[in-house]
Amino acid sequence: MPQRVLVIGAGFAGLAAATSLADKGYDVTILEKNATPGGRARVFSAEGFTFDMGPSWYWMPDVFDNYFARFGKKTSDYYNLVRLDPSYSVVFSPDEVVDLPAGLEQLETLFESIEPGSGPKLKEFLQQASYKYDVGMNKFVWKPSRSVSEFLSLKLLYDVTRLDVFQSFASHARKFFKHPRLLEIIEFPVLFLGATPENTPAMYSLMNYAEMALGTWYPMGGMHEIVRAMVTLAEEKGVKILFNQVVQKIDVRHGKATQIVTDQGIFETEVVVAGADYNHVETKLVAPENRNYTDTYWNTRVMAPSSLLFYLGVDKRIPRLQHHNLFFDEDFKVHAQEIYETPRWPAKPLFYASAPSKTDPSVAPEGCENLFLLVPVAPDLTDDEATRERYFDIIMTRLEAYVGENIRDHIVYKRSYAHSDFKSDYNAFKGNAYGLANTLKQTAILKPSLKNKRVNNLFYTGQLTVPGPGVPPSLISGLVVADEVAKEFI
């Protein structure tokens, strides 16, 4: 009989791990806390609108292509991708808006119009970023990071020297660009990595290559179409997914996890892969003597941001909005400091507005607009209804000033989501939305280990372990941990 594997959580990492293990011949069951799959990428419908609950940017299409190709499939077998042009808009004021074109030549022309000489500089910047993307996404993220020896080859050491690991993103960007508008555009992708650009390694310019060269895409039907595809593939491979299973305990005997206890029953197993929140598994599901890390360790980890989200159904179209809109009409540095250095609710927040109904008529009734609003905020803040409403008024006032028309009176559906929801739905440590920050001191072998040091058959996957936060890294995390299980449990 094939060995039984229990996977906790049906997010991207859990689905990827389960599918890969089933493909290798294991008997795999996923235990999912919620009623639907996807983790932070769940979906819900209300009043004729369909809302993706979390991820809304489809970057690194090669990662998804490679994932499905592993199993003899293509993304087009499951969903239809369209490339967005413009990729997104950056709003610096109601009268100053920069639309980022999809084509690199047009992008160089745009940069040149803002800062003479920056067109060729952008080309050089992206050439360097291309190398970092190739090495980072095709080599480093696939390392399980269980030993320093994984990184000791001469070729990898050479690659490290070219990745600008020890240089800050901010100083690297300023070698190429001087204009503050261009710097904000270049630095925007690292805002969600978990540190200010001054404290983020320059190797993460690979994110600029991902968004500018590889493009910003959208799966018709919404981001949850990726989850649907992964679930379909998992079930084709024989994975069983059980929903509404709240895991209460991982039983450990003689250094091995033998069963998982949920509120619905007891499940025997030979291997456990925890795709749930790592800290929650450590502090709530295993006995203290079987933990990898202490409370002190966890409380000194630097977390990526949390988010205040609003899902809005609007009974009219809003012409001035693009699919993705970044509102940088307040001070970027001040908001970043209020997330990372002096954690607090921001005084003058930047925010993001997504209107997927601009591209996809299926997510809103005819003549209506589907809006997803996001304010990045520090983790571990106290959120209440009054705070949420205060920020809703702040960002709606600026959004309405930008589009030049009333939106609030046309809202037919509204839902907010913040720290307390991340905790209740995902057991998210400190209410984080994106996981562990990608700082130098939390890279590779310095991240929480993907295997329990005291429980021989307990592994971890997802955004709090290697390779890190984000949809593509989480998907890769599941594949990496599946390979590690296969090495030890044949």
Protein backbone atom coordinates (compact mmCIF):
# COMPACT_ATOMS: atom_id res chain seq x y z
CA MET A 1 0.00 0.00 0.00
CA PRO A 2 1.22 3.55 -0.74
CA GLN A 3 2.24 5.63 2.24
CA ARG A 4 -0.44 7.93 3.60
CA VAL A 5 0.25 11.66 3.64
CA LEU A 6 -1.95 14.25 5.33
CA VAL A 7 -1.63 17.82 4.09
CA ILE A 8 -3.02 20.58 6.30
CA GLY A 9 -4.46 23.40 4.20
CA ALA A 10 -5.68 23.74 0.61
CA GLY A 11 -3.85 26.94 -0.27
CA PHE A 12 -1.37 27.16 -3.14
CA ALA A 13 1.43 25.46 -1.20
CA GLY A 14 -0.78 22.68 0.18
CA LEU A 15 -2.36 21.95 -3.20
CA ALA A 16 1.03 21.90 -4.93
CA ALA A 17 2.55 19.60 -2.30
CA ALA A 18 -0.45 17.25 -2.37
CA THR A 19 -0.54 17.04 -6.17
CA SER A 20 3.18 16.38 -6.45
CA LEU A 21 3.09 13.69 -3.76
CA ALA A 22 0.06 11.99 -5.30
CA ASP A 23 1.87 12.04 -8.65
CA LYS A 24 4.78 10.28 -6.93
CA GLY A 25 2.46 7.51 -5.75
CA TYR A 26 1.48 8.56 -2.22
CA ASP A 27 -2.04 8.31 -0.80
CA VAL A 28 -2.76 11.98 -0.12
CA THR A 29 -5.58 13.69 1.76
CA ILE A 30 -5.87 17.44 2.36
CA LEU A 31 -7.58 18.64 5.53
CA GLU A 32 -8.89 22.16 4.92
CA LYS A 33 -10.22 24.37 7.72
CA ASN A 34 -12.54 26.42 5.51
CA ALA A 35 -15.49 25.39 3.35
CA THR A 36 -13.68 26.15 0.08
CA PRO A 37 -10.12 25.74 -1.25
CA GLY A 38 -7.54 28.41 -2.00
CA GLY A 39 -6.51 29.78 1.38
CA ARG A 40 -6.01 33.50 0.96
CA ALA A 41 -7.01 33.07 -2.68
CA ARG A 42 -10.58 32.04 -1.88
CA VAL A 43 -13.51 33.57 -3.72
CA PHE A 44 -17.03 34.61 -2.77
CA SER A 45 -20.08 35.96 -4.57
CA ALA A 46 -22.68 38.49 -3.47
CA GLU A 47 -25.36 40.53 -5.25
CA GLY A 48 -24.19 39.25 -8.63
CA PHE A 49 -20.53 40.17 -8.03
CA THR A 50 -17.66 37.68 -7.77
CA PHE A 51 -14.77 38.75 -5.54
CA ASP A 52 -11.29 37.28 -5.35
CA MET A 53 -10.49 37.57 -1.65
CA GLY A 54 -6.72 37.94 -1.85
CA PRO A 55 -4.13 37.81 -4.64
CA SER A 56 -5.02 39.95 -7.63
CA TRP A 57 -1.71 40.25 -9.54
CA TYR A 58 -0.72 37.45 -11.95
CA TRP A 59 3.05 37.80 -12.30
CA MET A 60 5.72 35.22 -13.23
CA PRO A 61 3.57 33.32 -15.74
CA ASP A 62 6.48 30.94 -16.35
CA VAL A 63 6.11 29.57 -12.81
CA PHE A 64 2.49 28.58 -13.46
CA ASP A 65 3.34 27.22 -16.90
CA ASN A 66 6.12 25.08 -15.42
CA TYR A 67 3.87 23.87 -12.62
CA PHE A 68 1.22 22.45 -14.92
CA ALA A 69 3.86 21.18 -17.38
CA ARG A 70 5.23 18.97 -14.58
CA PHE A 71 2.05 16.97 -14.83
CA GLY A 72 1.72 17.03 -18.62
CA LYS A 73 -0.73 19.92 -18.62
CA LYS A 74 -0.87 23.55 -19.79
CA THR A 75 -2.44 26.57 -18.11
CA SER A 76 -4.63 26.90 -21.20
CA ASP A 77 -6.14 23.51 -20.36
CA TYR A 78 -7.78 25.21 -17.38
CA TYR A 79 -8.05 28.97 -17.86
CA ASN A 80 -7.61 31.77 -20.39
CA LEU A 81 -4.88 34.32 -19.69
CA VAL A 82 -4.92 37.87 -21.03
CA ARG A 83 -2.07 40.34 -20.75
CA LEU A 84 -3.04 43.73 -19.35
CA ASP A 85 -2.05 46.88 -21.22
CA PRO A 86 -1.48 49.16 -19.46
CA SER A 87 -0.10 46.85 -16.82
CA TYR A 88 -1.28 49.30 -14.18
CA SER A 89 -1.73 52.99 -13.46
CA VAL A 90 0.13 55.00 -10.83
CA VAL A 91 -1.82 57.95 -9.48
CA PHE A 92 0.43 60.66 -8.04
CA SER A 93 -2.40 63.22 -7.95
CA PRO A 94 -5.73 63.63 -9.76
CA ASP A 95 -3.82 65.51 -12.45
CA GLU A 96 -0.68 63.36 -12.60
CA VAL A 97 -1.17 59.75 -13.66
CA VAL A 98 1.37 57.38 -15.21
CA ASP A 99 0.08 54.38 -17.16
CA LEU A 100 2.72 51.63 -17.36
CA PRO A 101 2.59 50.15 -20.89
CA ALA A 102 3.06 46.42 -21.48
CA GLY A 103 5.71 46.82 -24.20
CA LEU A 104 9.33 47.35 -23.15
CA GLU A 105 10.02 49.87 -25.93
CA GLN A 106 7.02 51.93 -24.88
CA LEU A 107 8.12 51.63 -21.26
CA GLU A 108 11.60 52.93 -22.11
CA THR A 109 9.99 55.82 -23.98
CA LEU A 110 7.83 56.60 -20.95
CA PHE A 111 10.83 56.62 -18.60
CA GLU A 112 12.77 58.82 -21.02
CA SER A 113 9.89 61.36 -21.06
CA ILE A 114 10.01 61.63 -17.28
CA GLU A 115 13.80 61.67 -16.86
CA PRO A 116 16.03 62.23 -19.93
CA GLY A 117 18.56 59.41 -20.20
CA SER A 118 16.51 56.97 -18.15
CA GLY A 119 15.25 54.98 -21.16
CA PRO A 120 18.63 53.29 -21.79
CA LYS A 121 19.12 53.06 -18.02
CA LEU A 122 15.89 51.11 -17.69
CA LYS A 123 17.11 48.69 -20.35
CA GLU A 124 20.37 48.17 -18.43
CA PHE A 125 18.50 47.84 -15.12
CA LEU A 126 16.20 45.17 -16.54
CA GLN A 127 19.10 43.28 -18.13
CA GLN A 128 20.66 42.93 -14.67
CA ALA A 129 17.25 42.09 -13.20
CA SER A 130 16.81 39.41 -15.85
CA TYR A 131 19.93 37.63 -14.61
CA LYS A 132 18.69 37.86 -11.02
CA TYR A 133 15.32 36.47 -12.06
CA ASP A 134 16.92 33.57 -13.88
CA VAL A 135 19.19 32.65 -10.97
CA GLY A 136 16.68 33.47 -8.24
CA MET A 137 13.62 31.78 -9.72
CA ASN A 138 15.33 28.88 -11.48
CA LYS A 139 17.98 28.01 -8.88
CA PHE A 140 17.77 29.56 -5.44
CA VAL A 141 14.04 29.24 -4.77
CA TRP A 142 14.26 25.50 -5.46
CA LYS A 143 16.78 24.94 -2.67
CA PRO A 144 15.18 23.35 0.42
CA SER A 145 17.64 25.43 2.48
CA ARG A 146 18.25 22.72 5.05
CA SER A 147 22.06 23.04 4.93
CA VAL A 148 24.67 25.63 4.02
CA SER A 149 26.26 23.00 1.79
CA GLU A 150 23.44 23.49 -0.73
CA PHE A 151 24.92 26.89 -1.57
CA LEU A 152 28.64 26.07 -1.62
CA SER A 153 29.19 25.29 -5.30
CA LEU A 154 31.54 27.69 -7.07
CA LYS A 155 28.85 28.50 -9.63
CA LEU A 156 26.32 29.43 -6.96
CA LEU A 157 28.88 31.49 -5.08
CA TYR A 158 29.62 33.32 -8.33
CA ASP A 159 25.91 33.87 -8.85
CA VAL A 160 25.55 35.29 -5.33
CA THR A 161 28.19 37.91 -6.05
CA ARG A 162 26.16 39.07 -9.06
CA LEU A 163 22.81 39.07 -7.26
CA ASP A 164 23.59 42.16 -5.14
CA VAL A 165 22.47 40.31 -2.03
CA PHE A 166 24.39 42.66 0.26
CA GLN A 167 23.36 45.92 -1.43
CA SER A 168 20.07 47.62 -0.65
CA PHE A 169 17.35 47.91 -3.26
CA ALA A 170 17.18 51.67 -2.66
CA SER A 171 20.87 52.28 -3.36
CA HIS A 172 20.79 49.96 -6.38
CA ALA A 173 17.79 51.76 -7.92
CA ARG A 174 19.48 55.14 -7.46
CA LYS A 175 22.40 54.05 -9.60
CA PHE A 176 19.99 54.11 -12.53
CA PHE A 177 17.27 56.65 -11.75
CA LYS A 178 17.06 60.03 -10.03
CA HIS A 179 13.52 61.24 -10.65
CA PRO A 180 11.33 60.60 -7.57
CA ARG A 181 8.41 59.38 -9.72
CA LEU A 182 10.54 56.74 -11.41
CA LEU A 183 12.00 55.65 -8.08
CA GLU A 184 8.52 55.16 -6.63
CA ILE A 185 7.50 53.09 -9.66
CA ILE A 186 10.66 50.97 -9.41
CA GLU A 187 10.36 50.54 -5.64
CA PHE A 188 6.65 49.71 -5.57
CA PRO A 189 6.98 45.90 -5.96
CA VAL A 190 9.19 45.58 -2.86
CA LEU A 191 6.64 47.36 -0.66
CA PHE A 192 5.01 44.00 0.10
CA LEU A 193 8.23 42.04 0.69
CA GLY A 194 8.52 43.05 4.32
CA ALA A 195 10.98 45.94 4.57
CA THR A 196 11.63 49.42 3.24
CA PRO A 197 13.65 49.61 0.01
CA GLU A 198 16.61 50.71 2.14
CA ASN A 199 16.48 47.36 4.00
CA THR A 200 15.56 45.07 1.10
CA PRO A 201 18.35 43.28 -0.81
CA ALA A 202 18.89 44.59 -4.34
CA MET A 203 18.48 41.06 -5.69
CA TYR A 204 14.73 41.72 -5.54
CA SER A 205 14.97 43.86 -8.66
CA LEU A 206 14.00 40.47 -10.10
CA MET A 207 10.47 41.59 -9.19
CA ASN A 208 10.81 44.50 -11.64
CA TYR A 209 11.81 42.08 -14.36
CA ALA A 210 8.80 39.94 -13.53
CA GLU A 211 6.32 42.78 -13.77
CA MET A 212 7.86 44.83 -16.60
CA ALA A 213 9.38 42.22 -18.91
CA LEU A 214 7.25 39.14 -18.24
CA GLY A 215 4.10 41.19 -17.88
CA THR A 216 0.99 41.59 -15.77
CA TRP A 217 -1.67 39.05 -16.68
CA TYR A 218 -5.19 38.13 -15.65
CA PRO A 219 -6.95 34.72 -15.76
CA MET A 220 -10.44 35.30 -17.10
CA GLY A 221 -12.94 34.46 -14.38
CA GLY A 222 -10.60 35.74 -11.68
CA MET A 223 -7.52 34.67 -9.77
CA HIS A 224 -9.48 31.84 -8.17
CA GLU A 225 -9.43 30.13 -11.58
CA ILE A 226 -5.85 29.14 -10.71
CA VAL A 227 -7.13 27.46 -7.55
CA ARG A 228 -9.90 25.70 -9.49
CA ALA A 229 -7.28 24.44 -11.93
CA MET A 230 -5.01 23.20 -9.17
CA VAL A 231 -7.91 21.45 -7.40
CA THR A 232 -9.00 19.77 -10.64
CA LEU A 233 -5.45 18.57 -11.30
CA ALA A 234 -5.02 17.39 -7.70
CA GLU A 235 -8.21 15.35 -7.85
CA GLU A 236 -7.16 13.92 -11.22
CA LYS A 237 -4.04 12.66 -9.43
CA GLY A 238 -6.16 11.07 -6.70
CA VAL A 239 -5.88 13.70 -3.96
CA LYS A 240 -8.82 13.73 -1.56
CA ILE A 241 -9.82 17.14 -0.16
CA LEU A 242 -11.90 17.28 3.01
CA PHE A 243 -13.37 20.67 3.94
CA ASN A 244 -14.50 22.18 7.27
CA GLN A 245 -11.81 20.16 9.05
CA VAL A 246 -10.44 22.26 11.92
CA VAL A 247 -7.20 20.59 12.96
CA GLN A 248 -6.93 20.46 16.74
CA LYS A 249 -3.86 18.33 17.34
CA ILE A 250 -1.01 16.46 15.69
CA ASP A 251 -0.34 13.32 17.75
CA VAL A 252 3.37 12.47 18.02
CA ARG A 253 4.67 9.13 19.28
CA HIS A 254 8.32 8.14 19.43
CA GLY A 255 9.37 11.11 17.32
CA LYS A 256 6.79 10.54 14.58
CA ALA A 257 3.44 12.15 13.78
CA THR A 258 0.99 9.28 13.75
CA GLN A 259 -2.40 10.94 13.43
CA ILE A 260 -4.17 14.26 13.09
CA VAL A 261 -7.19 15.08 15.23
CA THR A 262 -9.77 17.45 13.77
CA ASP A 263 -13.18 18.55 15.02
CA GLN A 264 -14.62 16.01 12.56
CA GLY A 265 -12.53 12.93 13.33
CA ILE A 266 -9.12 11.25 13.62
CA PHE A 267 -6.89 10.56 10.61
CA GLU A 268 -3.98 8.13 10.62
CA THR A 269 -0.86 9.02 8.65
CA GLU A 270 2.77 8.21 7.86
CA VAL A 271 3.72 11.79 6.85
CA VAL A 272 2.32 15.25 7.65
CA VAL A 273 2.83 18.33 5.48
CA ALA A 274 1.60 21.46 7.26
CA GLY A 275 0.49 24.10 4.80
CA ALA A 276 -1.30 25.95 7.58
CA ASP A 277 0.29 28.92 9.35
CA TYR A 278 3.67 27.69 10.61
CA ASN A 279 3.47 29.51 13.94
CA HIS A 280 -0.04 28.17 14.56
CA VAL A 281 1.11 24.60 13.91
CA GLU A 282 4.04 25.11 16.27
CA THR A 283 2.16 26.74 19.11
CA LYS A 284 -1.27 25.08 18.90
CA LEU A 285 -1.01 21.70 17.17
CA VAL A 286 2.15 20.05 18.51
CA ALA A 287 3.38 19.67 22.10
CA PRO A 288 5.91 22.27 23.31
CA GLU A 289 8.74 19.72 23.35
CA ASN A 290 8.19 19.10 19.63
CA ARG A 291 8.41 22.69 18.47
CA ASN A 292 11.15 23.93 16.16
CA TYR A 293 11.16 27.44 17.58
CA THR A 294 10.40 29.34 20.78
CA ASP A 295 7.96 32.19 21.24
CA THR A 296 10.95 34.53 21.47
CA TYR A 297 12.11 33.38 18.05
CA TRP A 298 8.71 34.00 16.48
CA ASN A 299 8.25 37.37 18.14
CA THR A 300 11.56 38.58 16.71
CA ARG A 301 10.67 37.58 13.14
CA VAL A 302 10.06 40.44 10.73
CA MET A 303 6.70 40.01 9.07
CA ALA A 304 5.52 41.22 5.69
CA PRO A 305 2.52 43.56 5.85
CA SER A 306 -1.03 42.84 6.68
CA SER A 307 -3.84 44.49 4.72
CA LEU A 308 -7.08 46.34 5.19
CA LEU A 309 -9.33 45.21 2.34
CA PHE A 310 -12.66 46.36 1.00
CA TYR A 311 -14.79 44.45 -1.50
CA LEU A 312 -17.27 46.76 -3.21
CA GLY A 313 -20.05 46.20 -5.70
CA VAL A 314 -20.92 49.44 -7.51
CA ASP A 315 -24.07 49.84 -9.60
CA LYS A 316 -22.39 51.90 -12.35
CA ARG A 317 -19.19 51.94 -14.40
CA ILE A 318 -16.24 54.10 -13.31
CA PRO A 319 -14.54 55.21 -16.55
CA ARG A 320 -11.25 56.61 -15.26
CA LEU A 321 -10.07 53.46 -13.47
CA GLN A 322 -7.81 50.84 -15.03
CA HIS A 323 -7.75 47.18 -13.95
CA HIS A 324 -4.88 47.90 -11.48
CA ASN A 325 -4.48 51.37 -9.92
CA LEU A 326 -1.80 52.37 -7.39
CA PHE A 327 -2.55 55.53 -5.42
CA PHE A 328 0.80 57.09 -4.59
CA ASP A 329 -0.71 60.49 -3.89
CA GLU A 330 0.78 60.55 -0.37
CA ASP A 331 4.36 60.13 0.86
CA PHE A 332 5.66 56.64 -0.01
CA LYS A 333 8.48 56.74 2.56
CA VAL A 334 6.26 57.79 5.47
CA HIS A 335 3.76 55.02 4.81
CA ALA A 336 6.55 52.44 4.46
CA GLN A 337 8.01 53.54 7.80
CA GLU A 338 4.58 53.19 9.43
CA ILE A 339 4.46 49.59 8.22
CA TYR A 340 8.02 48.45 8.96
CA GLU A 341 9.87 50.77 11.33
CA THR A 342 7.30 52.36 13.63
CA PRO A 343 4.29 50.03 13.20
CA ARG A 344 1.02 51.92 13.44
CA TRP A 345 -2.10 52.67 11.46
CA PRO A 346 -0.86 55.04 8.70
CA ALA A 347 -1.59 58.74 8.89
CA LYS A 348 -1.86 59.20 5.12
CA PRO A 349 -1.99 55.77 3.53
CA LEU A 350 -1.13 54.78 0.03
CA PHE A 351 -3.64 52.32 -1.37
CA TYR A 352 -4.40 50.06 -4.30
CA ALA A 353 -7.64 49.80 -6.26
CA SER A 354 -8.40 46.89 -8.54
CA ALA A 355 -11.32 46.88 -10.95
CA PRO A 356 -11.25 43.41 -12.56
CA SER A 357 -14.59 44.16 -14.23
CA LYS A 358 -12.60 46.40 -16.62
CA THR A 359 -11.18 43.22 -18.13
CA ASP A 360 -13.69 40.55 -17.14
CA PRO A 361 -17.46 41.16 -17.50
CA SER A 362 -18.21 37.92 -15.65
CA VAL A 363 -17.26 39.33 -12.21
CA ALA A 364 -19.99 42.02 -12.08
CA PRO A 365 -23.54 42.51 -13.37
CA GLU A 366 -23.83 44.39 -16.65
CA GLY A 367 -23.20 48.10 -16.24
CA CYS A 368 -21.63 47.61 -12.80
CA GLU A 369 -18.09 47.71 -11.40
CA ASN A 370 -16.32 45.26 -9.11
CA LEU A 371 -13.85 47.08 -6.84
CA PHE A 372 -11.17 45.61 -4.57
CA LEU A 373 -9.42 48.19 -2.35
CA LEU A 374 -6.29 47.41 -0.34
CA VAL A 375 -4.32 49.44 2.21
CA PRO A 376 -1.01 47.79 3.21
CA VAL A 377 -0.59 48.09 6.98
CA ALA A 378 1.67 46.78 9.71
CA PRO A 379 0.86 43.35 11.16
CA ASP A 380 -0.27 42.90 14.76
CA LEU A 381 -2.46 46.01 14.88
CA THR A 382 -5.83 46.18 16.59
CA ASP A 383 -8.58 46.61 14.02
CA ASP A 384 -12.19 47.42 14.80
CA GLU A 385 -15.16 48.59 12.81
CA ALA A 386 -14.56 52.26 13.62
CA THR A 387 -10.96 52.06 12.38
CA ARG A 388 -12.02 50.30 9.20
CA GLU A 389 -14.69 52.91 8.48
CA ARG A 390 -12.26 55.78 9.11
CA TYR A 391 -9.87 54.42 6.51
CA PHE A 392 -12.69 53.64 4.14
CA ASP A 393 -13.69 57.30 4.22
CA ILE A 394 -10.07 58.41 3.74
CA ILE A 395 -9.44 56.33 0.64
CA MET A 396 -12.91 56.81 -0.86
CA THR A 397 -12.54 60.59 -0.63
CA ARG A 398 -9.31 60.36 -2.63
CA LEU A 399 -10.70 57.78 -5.06
CA GLU A 400 -13.75 59.93 -5.78
CA ALA A 401 -11.57 63.03 -6.23
CA TYR A 402 -9.52 61.12 -8.77
CA VAL A 403 -12.39 59.70 -10.82
CA GLY A 404 -14.36 62.94 -10.53
CA GLU A 405 -17.64 61.36 -9.52
CA ASN A 406 -19.57 59.99 -6.59
CA ILE A 407 -19.04 56.29 -5.84
CA ARG A 408 -20.27 55.90 -2.27
CA ASP A 409 -23.93 56.48 -3.14
CA HIS A 410 -23.70 53.73 -5.76
CA ILE A 411 -22.30 50.98 -3.55
CA VAL A 412 -24.75 48.08 -3.48
CA TYR A 413 -22.44 45.65 -1.70
CA LYS A 414 -19.61 46.25 0.77
CA ARG A 415 -17.43 43.99 2.90
CA SER A 416 -14.27 44.77 4.86
CA TYR A 417 -11.45 42.42 5.86
CA ALA A 418 -8.40 42.96 8.09
CA HIS A 419 -6.16 41.50 10.82
CA SER A 420 -8.84 39.81 12.90
CA ASP A 421 -10.24 38.12 9.78
CA PHE A 422 -6.81 36.83 8.73
CA LYS A 423 -6.46 35.37 12.21
CA SER A 424 -9.90 33.74 12.33
CA ASP A 425 -9.86 32.39 8.76
CA TYR A 426 -6.19 31.38 8.44
CA ASN A 427 -4.78 31.44 11.98
CA ALA A 428 -2.39 34.03 10.55
CA PHE A 429 0.48 34.92 12.88
CA LYS A 430 -0.02 38.53 14.00
CA GLY A 431 -2.77 38.83 11.40
CA ASN A 432 -0.24 38.92 8.56
CA ALA A 433 -1.45 38.85 4.97
CA TYR A 434 1.77 38.02 3.10
CA GLY A 435 3.93 35.92 5.42
CA LEU A 436 7.54 36.36 6.48
CA ALA A 437 9.46 39.39 5.26
CA ASN A 438 12.17 38.86 2.64
CA THR A 439 14.99 40.51 4.55
CA LEU A 440 18.63 39.43 4.29
CA LYS A 441 18.48 37.90 7.79
CA GLN A 442 15.41 35.88 6.77
CA THR A 443 16.67 34.44 3.50
CA ALA A 444 17.24 30.78 2.54
CA ILE A 445 18.70 28.83 5.49
CA LEU A 446 17.78 31.73 7.80
CA LYS A 447 14.06 31.13 7.24
CA PRO A 448 12.08 28.71 9.44
CA SER A 449 13.04 25.19 8.38
CA LEU A 450 10.72 23.22 6.13
CA LYS A 451 11.17 20.16 8.35
CA ASN A 452 10.54 19.67 12.04
CA LYS A 453 13.79 18.93 13.85
CA ARG A 454 12.15 16.73 16.49
CA VAL A 455 9.34 15.05 14.58
CA ASN A 456 10.83 12.93 11.83
CA ASN A 457 7.86 13.01 9.45
CA LEU A 458 6.49 16.53 9.94
CA PHE A 459 7.18 19.04 7.18
CA TYR A 460 6.12 22.66 6.61
CA THR A 461 5.26 24.55 3.45
CA GLY A 462 3.92 27.99 2.57
CA GLN A 463 4.72 31.63 3.07
CA LEU A 464 6.43 31.33 6.47
CA THR A 465 9.13 28.97 5.22
CA VAL A 466 11.23 28.67 2.05
CA PRO A 467 11.23 30.19 -0.46
CA GLY A 468 8.96 32.97 0.84
CA PRO A 469 5.73 34.95 0.41
CA GLY A 470 3.71 35.43 -2.74
CA VAL A 471 1.71 33.10 -4.98
CA PRO A 472 4.56 31.75 -7.17
CA PRO A 473 6.91 31.17 -4.20
CA SER A 474 4.13 29.43 -2.24
CA LEU A 475 3.41 27.17 -5.18
CA ILE A 476 7.14 26.38 -5.47
CA SER A 477 7.29 25.76 -1.73
CA GLY A 478 4.79 22.94 -2.10
CA LEU A 479 6.84 21.29 -4.85
CA VAL A 480 10.08 21.63 -2.90
CA VAL A 481 8.66 20.04 0.24
CA ALA A 482 7.13 17.21 -1.79
CA ASP A 483 10.58 16.40 -3.18
CA GLU A 484 12.01 16.41 0.34
CA VAL A 485 9.32 14.01 1.56
CA ALA A 486 10.05 11.70 -1.36
CA LYS A 487 13.75 11.61 -0.50
CA GLU A 488 13.05 10.35 3.00
CA PHE A 489 9.82 8.35 2.73
CA ILE A 490 10.01 6.11 -0.30
